């Protein structure tokens, strides 16, 4: 799986949380459609780099998660996950994920005896499951109101 892991998947230190908060606020206030030009103050030549607007949005999102004390992993959309990685992403057990795969609720392929699940398929299932949960909750809330609870 092609994967870039930031902060070695460890939680950010208190110092990193503070730095992430400060940096995120500055970058978020400067977002433009053209991206950002940054001067490298530690560079002996004083070079300037340009960040594409889309990368600034991603960077701000990463910093927001670090501000909350979360470790961050970035995966390309076309990435394939192991069954354990997919289960972790869905916040379910691996056996529960295997049941979903066997019932055909999430497509997968086998590499030898190992299952590989596309990230976009996992995310599509997650969105579908969240929508179903919201609909059930709204139905329960409407039923409660109907009963006057």
N, C-alpha and C. Protein backbone atom coordinates (compact mmCIF):
# COMPACT_ATOMS: atom_id res chain seq x y z
N UNK A 1 0.85 -1.18 0.00
CA UNK A 1 0.00 0.00 0.00
C UNK A 1 0.90 1.24 0.00
N UNK A 2 0.62 2.16 -0.88
CA UNK A 2 1.36 3.41 -0.88
C UNK A 2 0.83 4.26 0.26
N UNK A 3 1.69 4.60 1.17
CA UNK A 3 1.24 5.33 2.35
C UNK A 3 2.31 6.29 2.82
N UNK A 4 1.89 7.45 3.22
CA UNK A 4 2.77 8.42 3.84
C UNK A 4 2.29 8.55 5.28
N UNK A 5 3.14 8.30 6.22
CA UNK A 5 2.75 8.42 7.61
C UNK A 5 3.47 9.61 8.21
N UNK A 6 2.70 10.50 8.82
CA UNK A 6 3.28 11.67 9.45
C UNK A 6 3.48 11.40 10.92
N UNK A 7 4.52 11.95 11.49
CA UNK A 7 4.82 11.83 12.92
C UNK A 7 4.91 10.37 13.33
N UNK A 8 5.31 9.51 12.40
CA UNK A 8 5.49 8.09 12.66
C UNK A 8 4.28 7.48 13.37
N UNK A 9 3.09 7.98 13.05
CA UNK A 9 1.82 7.51 13.64
C UNK A 9 1.83 7.58 15.17
N UNK A 10 2.59 8.49 15.71
CA UNK A 10 2.58 8.69 17.16
C UNK A 10 1.84 9.98 17.44
N UNK A 11 1.33 10.07 18.64
CA UNK A 11 0.62 11.29 19.02
C UNK A 11 1.59 12.45 19.10
N UNK A 12 1.16 13.64 18.70
CA UNK A 12 2.05 14.80 18.78
C UNK A 12 2.33 15.19 20.23
N UNK A 13 3.54 15.69 20.45
CA UNK A 13 3.91 16.17 21.79
C UNK A 13 3.16 17.46 22.08
N UNK A 14 3.20 17.91 23.33
CA UNK A 14 2.56 19.17 23.71
C UNK A 14 3.13 20.33 22.90
N UNK A 15 4.44 20.32 22.69
CA UNK A 15 5.08 21.37 21.90
C UNK A 15 4.60 21.35 20.46
N UNK A 16 4.46 20.14 19.88
CA UNK A 16 3.97 20.02 18.51
C UNK A 16 2.52 20.46 18.39
N UNK A 17 1.71 20.20 19.40
CA UNK A 17 0.31 20.64 19.40
C UNK A 17 0.25 22.16 19.36
N UNK A 18 1.06 22.83 20.17
CA UNK A 18 1.09 24.29 20.20
C UNK A 18 1.55 24.85 18.85
N UNK A 19 2.61 24.27 18.31
CA UNK A 19 3.13 24.71 17.01
C UNK A 19 2.10 24.47 15.90
N UNK A 20 1.44 23.32 15.94
CA UNK A 20 0.42 23.00 14.94
C UNK A 20 -0.72 24.01 15.01
N UNK A 21 -1.12 24.37 16.22
CA UNK A 21 -2.21 25.33 16.41
C UNK A 21 -1.84 26.69 15.82
N UNK A 22 -0.65 27.16 16.15
CA UNK A 22 -0.20 28.47 15.65
C UNK A 22 -0.08 28.45 14.13
N UNK A 23 0.54 27.41 13.59
CA UNK A 23 0.74 27.32 12.14
C UNK A 23 -0.59 27.20 11.41
N UNK A 24 -1.49 26.36 11.94
CA UNK A 24 -2.79 26.15 11.31
C UNK A 24 -3.56 27.46 11.24
N UNK A 25 -3.53 28.26 12.30
CA UNK A 25 -4.27 29.53 12.30
C UNK A 25 -3.72 30.49 11.26
N UNK A 26 -2.40 30.54 11.14
CA UNK A 26 -1.79 31.43 10.15
C UNK A 26 -2.14 30.97 8.74
N UNK A 27 -1.97 29.67 8.48
CA UNK A 27 -2.26 29.16 7.13
C UNK A 27 -3.74 29.27 6.79
N UNK A 28 -4.62 28.97 7.74
CA UNK A 28 -6.06 29.03 7.49
C UNK A 28 -6.50 30.45 7.15
N UNK A 29 -5.86 31.43 7.77
CA UNK A 29 -6.25 32.82 7.50
C UNK A 29 -5.71 33.31 6.16
N UNK A 30 -4.74 32.59 5.59
CA UNK A 30 -4.09 33.04 4.36
C UNK A 30 -4.47 32.21 3.14
N UNK A 31 -5.44 31.30 3.28
CA UNK A 31 -5.82 30.44 2.16
C UNK A 31 -6.28 31.29 0.97
N UNK A 32 -5.75 30.97 -0.18
CA UNK A 32 -6.19 31.63 -1.40
C UNK A 32 -6.34 30.57 -2.48
N UNK A 33 -7.00 30.93 -3.54
CA UNK A 33 -7.15 30.00 -4.66
C UNK A 33 -5.85 29.79 -5.42
N UNK A 34 -4.92 30.70 -5.25
CA UNK A 34 -3.64 30.60 -5.95
C UNK A 34 -2.60 29.82 -5.16
N UNK A 35 -2.87 29.50 -3.94
CA UNK A 35 -1.88 28.83 -3.11
C UNK A 35 -1.13 29.84 -2.27
N UNK A 36 0.00 29.42 -1.73
CA UNK A 36 0.79 30.29 -0.86
C UNK A 36 2.25 30.29 -1.29
N UNK A 37 2.87 31.44 -1.14
CA UNK A 37 4.31 31.54 -1.35
C UNK A 37 4.93 31.70 0.03
N UNK A 38 5.90 30.84 0.34
CA UNK A 38 6.54 30.86 1.64
C UNK A 38 8.03 31.10 1.48
N UNK A 39 8.58 32.01 2.29
CA UNK A 39 10.03 32.26 2.26
C UNK A 39 10.67 31.38 3.33
N UNK A 40 11.70 30.67 2.94
CA UNK A 40 12.41 29.78 3.85
C UNK A 40 13.48 30.60 4.58
N UNK A 41 13.24 30.91 5.84
CA UNK A 41 14.15 31.78 6.57
C UNK A 41 15.46 31.08 6.93
N UNK A 42 15.46 29.76 7.06
CA UNK A 42 16.68 29.02 7.39
C UNK A 42 17.52 28.68 6.16
N UNK A 43 17.00 28.96 4.98
CA UNK A 43 17.71 28.65 3.73
C UNK A 43 18.78 29.71 3.49
N UNK A 44 20.05 29.31 3.28
CA UNK A 44 21.12 30.29 3.05
C UNK A 44 20.84 31.20 1.85
N UNK A 45 20.14 30.67 0.84
CA UNK A 45 19.82 31.49 -0.33
C UNK A 45 18.51 32.28 -0.17
N UNK A 46 17.82 32.05 0.95
CA UNK A 46 16.57 32.77 1.19
C UNK A 46 15.50 32.46 0.15
N UNK A 47 15.47 31.22 -0.31
CA UNK A 47 14.52 30.85 -1.36
C UNK A 47 13.08 30.93 -0.89
N UNK A 48 12.20 31.05 -1.88
CA UNK A 48 10.76 31.07 -1.66
C UNK A 48 10.18 29.85 -2.36
N UNK A 49 9.24 29.19 -1.69
CA UNK A 49 8.56 28.06 -2.31
C UNK A 49 7.09 28.40 -2.46
N UNK A 50 6.43 27.72 -3.38
CA UNK A 50 5.01 27.95 -3.58
C UNK A 50 4.27 26.66 -3.32
N UNK A 51 3.24 26.74 -2.47
CA UNK A 51 2.40 25.58 -2.17
C UNK A 51 1.11 25.71 -2.97
N UNK A 52 0.73 24.65 -3.69
CA UNK A 52 -0.55 24.70 -4.40
C UNK A 52 -1.71 24.84 -3.40
N UNK A 53 -2.77 25.50 -3.82
CA UNK A 53 -3.91 25.73 -2.94
C UNK A 53 -4.45 24.43 -2.36
N UNK A 54 -4.51 23.37 -3.15
CA UNK A 54 -5.04 22.10 -2.66
C UNK A 54 -4.17 21.53 -1.54
N UNK A 55 -2.86 21.73 -1.62
CA UNK A 55 -1.99 21.22 -0.56
C UNK A 55 -2.12 22.05 0.72
N UNK A 56 -2.44 23.32 0.57
CA UNK A 56 -2.64 24.17 1.75
C UNK A 56 -3.87 23.69 2.52
N UNK A 57 -4.94 23.34 1.79
CA UNK A 57 -6.15 22.82 2.43
C UNK A 57 -5.83 21.54 3.19
N UNK A 58 -5.07 20.65 2.58
CA UNK A 58 -4.69 19.39 3.23
C UNK A 58 -3.82 19.66 4.45
N UNK A 59 -2.86 20.55 4.31
CA UNK A 59 -1.95 20.87 5.41
C UNK A 59 -2.72 21.46 6.60
N UNK A 60 -3.67 22.34 6.33
CA UNK A 60 -4.48 22.93 7.40
C UNK A 60 -5.26 21.82 8.10
N UNK A 61 -5.80 20.89 7.33
CA UNK A 61 -6.57 19.78 7.93
C UNK A 61 -5.67 18.90 8.81
N UNK A 62 -4.46 18.62 8.36
CA UNK A 62 -3.50 17.84 9.15
C UNK A 62 -3.18 18.58 10.45
N UNK A 63 -2.93 19.87 10.35
CA UNK A 63 -2.61 20.66 11.54
C UNK A 63 -3.80 20.73 12.50
N UNK A 64 -5.02 20.76 11.98
CA UNK A 64 -6.21 20.74 12.84
C UNK A 64 -6.25 19.46 13.66
N UNK A 65 -5.94 18.34 13.03
CA UNK A 65 -5.93 17.06 13.74
C UNK A 65 -4.81 17.02 14.78
N UNK A 66 -3.65 17.54 14.42
CA UNK A 66 -2.54 17.59 15.37
C UNK A 66 -2.89 18.49 16.56
N UNK A 67 -3.61 19.58 16.29
CA UNK A 67 -4.03 20.48 17.36
C UNK A 67 -4.91 19.74 18.37
N UNK A 68 -5.69 18.78 17.88
CA UNK A 68 -6.55 17.98 18.75
C UNK A 68 -5.78 16.86 19.44
N UNK A 69 -4.47 16.75 19.13
CA UNK A 69 -3.65 15.71 19.74
C UNK A 69 -3.69 14.39 19.01
N UNK A 70 -4.19 14.38 17.79
CA UNK A 70 -4.31 13.14 17.01
C UNK A 70 -3.08 12.89 16.15
N UNK A 71 -2.71 11.63 16.00
CA UNK A 71 -1.71 11.24 15.02
C UNK A 71 -2.40 11.29 13.65
N UNK A 72 -1.63 11.47 12.59
CA UNK A 72 -2.20 11.63 11.26
C UNK A 72 -1.51 10.70 10.29
N UNK A 73 -2.31 10.02 9.46
CA UNK A 73 -1.79 9.21 8.37
C UNK A 73 -2.48 9.68 7.10
N UNK A 74 -1.72 9.86 6.05
CA UNK A 74 -2.28 10.27 4.76
C UNK A 74 -2.18 9.08 3.81
N UNK A 75 -3.31 8.77 3.17
CA UNK A 75 -3.36 7.67 2.21
C UNK A 75 -3.88 8.19 0.88
N UNK A 76 -3.31 7.73 -0.23
CA UNK A 76 -3.89 8.09 -1.52
C UNK A 76 -5.25 7.41 -1.66
N UNK A 77 -6.18 8.03 -2.37
CA UNK A 77 -7.53 7.51 -2.52
C UNK A 77 -7.52 6.11 -3.13
N UNK A 78 -6.61 5.85 -4.03
CA UNK A 78 -6.57 4.54 -4.70
C UNK A 78 -5.83 3.47 -3.89
N UNK A 79 -5.47 3.78 -2.67
CA UNK A 79 -4.72 2.84 -1.83
C UNK A 79 -5.54 1.61 -1.53
N UNK A 80 -4.84 0.51 -1.33
CA UNK A 80 -5.48 -0.72 -0.88
C UNK A 80 -5.07 -0.97 0.55
N UNK A 81 -6.04 -1.34 1.36
CA UNK A 81 -5.83 -1.56 2.78
C UNK A 81 -5.85 -3.05 3.10
N UNK A 82 -5.15 -3.41 4.15
CA UNK A 82 -5.29 -4.76 4.69
C UNK A 82 -6.63 -4.81 5.42
N UNK A 83 -7.06 -6.01 5.77
CA UNK A 83 -8.33 -6.13 6.49
C UNK A 83 -8.24 -5.44 7.86
N UNK A 84 -7.09 -5.50 8.51
CA UNK A 84 -6.95 -4.84 9.81
C UNK A 84 -7.00 -3.32 9.66
N UNK A 85 -6.34 -2.78 8.63
CA UNK A 85 -6.37 -1.33 8.41
C UNK A 85 -7.79 -0.86 8.10
N UNK A 86 -8.52 -1.62 7.28
CA UNK A 86 -9.90 -1.27 6.95
C UNK A 86 -10.78 -1.32 8.20
N UNK A 87 -10.59 -2.37 9.01
CA UNK A 87 -11.36 -2.49 10.26
C UNK A 87 -11.08 -1.32 11.18
N UNK A 88 -9.81 -0.94 11.30
CA UNK A 88 -9.45 0.20 12.14
C UNK A 88 -10.10 1.48 11.64
N UNK A 89 -10.12 1.67 10.32
CA UNK A 89 -10.71 2.87 9.74
C UNK A 89 -12.21 2.93 10.00
N UNK A 90 -12.86 1.77 10.00
CA UNK A 90 -14.30 1.71 10.27
C UNK A 90 -14.62 1.63 11.76
N UNK A 91 -13.57 1.50 12.56
CA UNK A 91 -13.71 1.40 14.01
C UNK A 91 -14.55 0.17 14.40
N UNK A 92 -14.25 -0.95 13.72
CA UNK A 92 -14.90 -2.22 14.02
C UNK A 92 -13.81 -3.27 14.16
N UNK A 93 -14.19 -4.45 14.66
CA UNK A 93 -13.21 -5.52 14.79
C UNK A 93 -12.91 -6.13 13.42
N UNK A 94 -11.76 -6.77 13.32
CA UNK A 94 -11.41 -7.43 12.06
C UNK A 94 -12.41 -8.53 11.71
N UNK A 95 -12.85 -9.38 12.68
CA UNK A 95 -13.86 -10.38 12.33
C UNK A 95 -15.16 -9.76 11.80
N UNK A 96 -15.56 -8.61 12.36
CA UNK A 96 -16.76 -7.94 11.86
C UNK A 96 -16.56 -7.47 10.42
N UNK A 97 -15.36 -6.97 10.12
CA UNK A 97 -15.07 -6.55 8.75
C UNK A 97 -15.12 -7.76 7.82
N UNK A 98 -14.53 -8.87 8.22
CA UNK A 98 -14.53 -10.08 7.38
C UNK A 98 -15.97 -10.49 7.07
N UNK A 99 -16.87 -10.39 8.06
CA UNK A 99 -18.29 -10.69 7.83
C UNK A 99 -18.86 -9.77 6.75
N UNK A 100 -18.55 -8.48 6.82
CA UNK A 100 -19.02 -7.53 5.81
C UNK A 100 -18.50 -7.90 4.43
N UNK A 101 -17.23 -8.27 4.36
CA UNK A 101 -16.62 -8.64 3.08
C UNK A 101 -17.29 -9.89 2.52
N UNK A 102 -17.50 -10.89 3.35
CA UNK A 102 -18.09 -12.15 2.90
C UNK A 102 -19.54 -11.98 2.47
N UNK A 103 -20.25 -11.02 3.08
CA UNK A 103 -21.63 -10.74 2.68
C UNK A 103 -21.70 -9.87 1.42
N UNK A 104 -20.54 -9.41 0.94
CA UNK A 104 -20.49 -8.60 -0.27
C UNK A 104 -20.83 -7.14 -0.06
N UNK A 105 -20.81 -6.68 1.19
CA UNK A 105 -21.15 -5.28 1.45
C UNK A 105 -20.01 -4.34 1.09
N UNK A 106 -18.79 -4.85 1.09
CA UNK A 106 -17.62 -4.07 0.67
C UNK A 106 -16.83 -4.95 -0.28
N UNK A 107 -16.55 -4.45 -1.49
CA UNK A 107 -15.76 -5.25 -2.43
C UNK A 107 -14.31 -5.42 -1.95
N UNK A 108 -13.69 -6.52 -2.33
CA UNK A 108 -12.29 -6.77 -1.98
C UNK A 108 -11.70 -7.72 -3.00
N UNK A 109 -10.40 -7.86 -2.94
CA UNK A 109 -9.73 -8.87 -3.76
C UNK A 109 -8.77 -9.62 -2.86
N UNK A 110 -8.37 -10.78 -3.33
CA UNK A 110 -7.44 -11.59 -2.55
C UNK A 110 -6.08 -11.59 -3.23
N UNK A 111 -5.05 -11.46 -2.41
CA UNK A 111 -3.66 -11.59 -2.85
C UNK A 111 -3.14 -12.78 -2.05
N UNK A 112 -3.10 -13.94 -2.69
CA UNK A 112 -2.80 -15.16 -1.96
C UNK A 112 -3.93 -15.43 -1.00
N UNK A 113 -3.63 -15.49 0.27
CA UNK A 113 -4.68 -15.70 1.28
C UNK A 113 -5.10 -14.40 1.95
N UNK A 114 -4.50 -13.29 1.54
CA UNK A 114 -4.76 -11.98 2.18
C UNK A 114 -5.81 -11.19 1.40
N UNK A 115 -6.65 -10.51 2.13
CA UNK A 115 -7.67 -9.64 1.53
C UNK A 115 -7.12 -8.23 1.38
N UNK A 116 -7.44 -7.60 0.25
CA UNK A 116 -7.09 -6.19 0.02
C UNK A 116 -8.36 -5.45 -0.32
N UNK A 117 -8.56 -4.33 0.37
CA UNK A 117 -9.78 -3.54 0.21
C UNK A 117 -9.38 -2.13 -0.20
N UNK A 118 -10.02 -1.63 -1.25
CA UNK A 118 -9.71 -0.27 -1.72
C UNK A 118 -10.23 0.75 -0.71
N UNK A 119 -9.42 1.76 -0.46
CA UNK A 119 -9.80 2.81 0.48
C UNK A 119 -11.10 3.47 0.07
N UNK A 120 -11.27 3.76 -1.21
CA UNK A 120 -12.50 4.42 -1.64
C UNK A 120 -13.73 3.55 -1.40
N UNK A 121 -13.60 2.21 -1.49
CA UNK A 121 -14.72 1.32 -1.18
C UNK A 121 -15.04 1.34 0.32
N UNK A 122 -14.00 1.38 1.14
CA UNK A 122 -14.20 1.46 2.60
C UNK A 122 -14.90 2.77 2.95
N UNK A 123 -14.43 3.87 2.37
CA UNK A 123 -15.03 5.17 2.66
C UNK A 123 -16.48 5.25 2.16
N UNK A 124 -16.77 4.64 1.00
CA UNK A 124 -18.15 4.61 0.49
C UNK A 124 -19.05 3.84 1.46
N UNK A 125 -18.56 2.70 1.97
CA UNK A 125 -19.34 1.94 2.95
C UNK A 125 -19.55 2.77 4.22
N UNK A 126 -18.51 3.46 4.66
CA UNK A 126 -18.60 4.25 5.89
C UNK A 126 -19.65 5.36 5.73
N UNK A 127 -19.64 6.04 4.58
CA UNK A 127 -20.64 7.09 4.34
C UNK A 127 -22.05 6.50 4.32
N UNK A 128 -22.22 5.35 3.67
CA UNK A 128 -23.52 4.69 3.59
C UNK A 128 -24.00 4.28 4.98
N UNK A 129 -23.11 3.70 5.79
CA UNK A 129 -23.48 3.27 7.14
C UNK A 129 -23.84 4.48 8.02
N UNK A 130 -23.08 5.57 7.89
CA UNK A 130 -23.38 6.77 8.67
C UNK A 130 -24.72 7.37 8.28
N UNK A 131 -25.04 7.35 6.98
CA UNK A 131 -26.33 7.86 6.51
C UNK A 131 -27.47 7.00 7.05
N UNK A 132 -27.28 5.70 7.09
CA UNK A 132 -28.30 4.79 7.62
C UNK A 132 -28.50 5.03 9.11
N UNK A 133 -27.40 5.25 9.84
CA UNK A 133 -27.50 5.53 11.28
C UNK A 133 -28.25 6.84 11.53
N UNK A 134 -27.92 7.87 10.73
CA UNK A 134 -28.61 9.15 10.88
C UNK A 134 -30.11 9.01 10.61
N UNK A 135 -30.45 8.27 9.55
CA UNK A 135 -31.86 8.07 9.20
C UNK A 135 -32.60 7.34 10.32
N UNK A 136 -31.97 6.32 10.90
CA UNK A 136 -32.59 5.57 12.00
C UNK A 136 -32.78 6.46 13.22
N UNK A 137 -31.78 7.30 13.50
CA UNK A 137 -31.87 8.22 14.64
C UNK A 137 -33.00 9.23 14.43
N UNK A 138 -33.11 9.75 13.22
CA UNK A 138 -34.17 10.71 12.92
C UNK A 138 -35.54 10.04 13.05
N UNK A 139 -35.64 8.79 12.63
CA UNK A 139 -36.89 8.05 12.74
C UNK A 139 -37.26 7.85 14.22
N UNK A 140 -36.27 7.50 15.04
CA UNK A 140 -36.52 7.34 16.47
C UNK A 140 -36.93 8.66 17.12
N UNK A 141 -36.28 9.74 16.72
CA UNK A 141 -36.61 11.05 17.28
C UNK A 141 -38.03 11.44 16.89
N UNK A 142 -38.42 11.16 15.65
CA UNK A 142 -39.79 11.48 15.21
C UNK A 142 -40.80 10.63 15.98
N UNK A 143 -40.47 9.38 16.23
CA UNK A 143 -41.35 8.49 16.99
C UNK A 143 -41.50 8.98 18.42
N UNK A 144 -40.39 9.42 19.03
CA UNK A 144 -40.44 9.99 20.38
C UNK A 144 -41.35 11.20 20.45
N UNK A 145 -41.25 12.07 19.45
CA UNK A 145 -42.08 13.28 19.41
C UNK A 145 -43.56 12.91 19.24
N UNK A 146 -43.77 11.88 18.44
CA UNK A 146 -45.13 11.42 18.22
C UNK A 146 -45.76 10.93 19.53
N UNK A 147 -44.95 10.28 20.36
CA UNK A 147 -45.42 9.77 21.64
C UNK A 147 -45.41 10.84 22.72
N UNK A 148 -44.82 11.99 22.41
CA UNK A 148 -44.76 13.08 23.38
C UNK A 148 -43.68 12.88 24.42
N UNK A 149 -42.63 12.15 24.08
CA UNK A 149 -41.53 11.91 25.04
C UNK A 149 -40.47 12.99 24.96
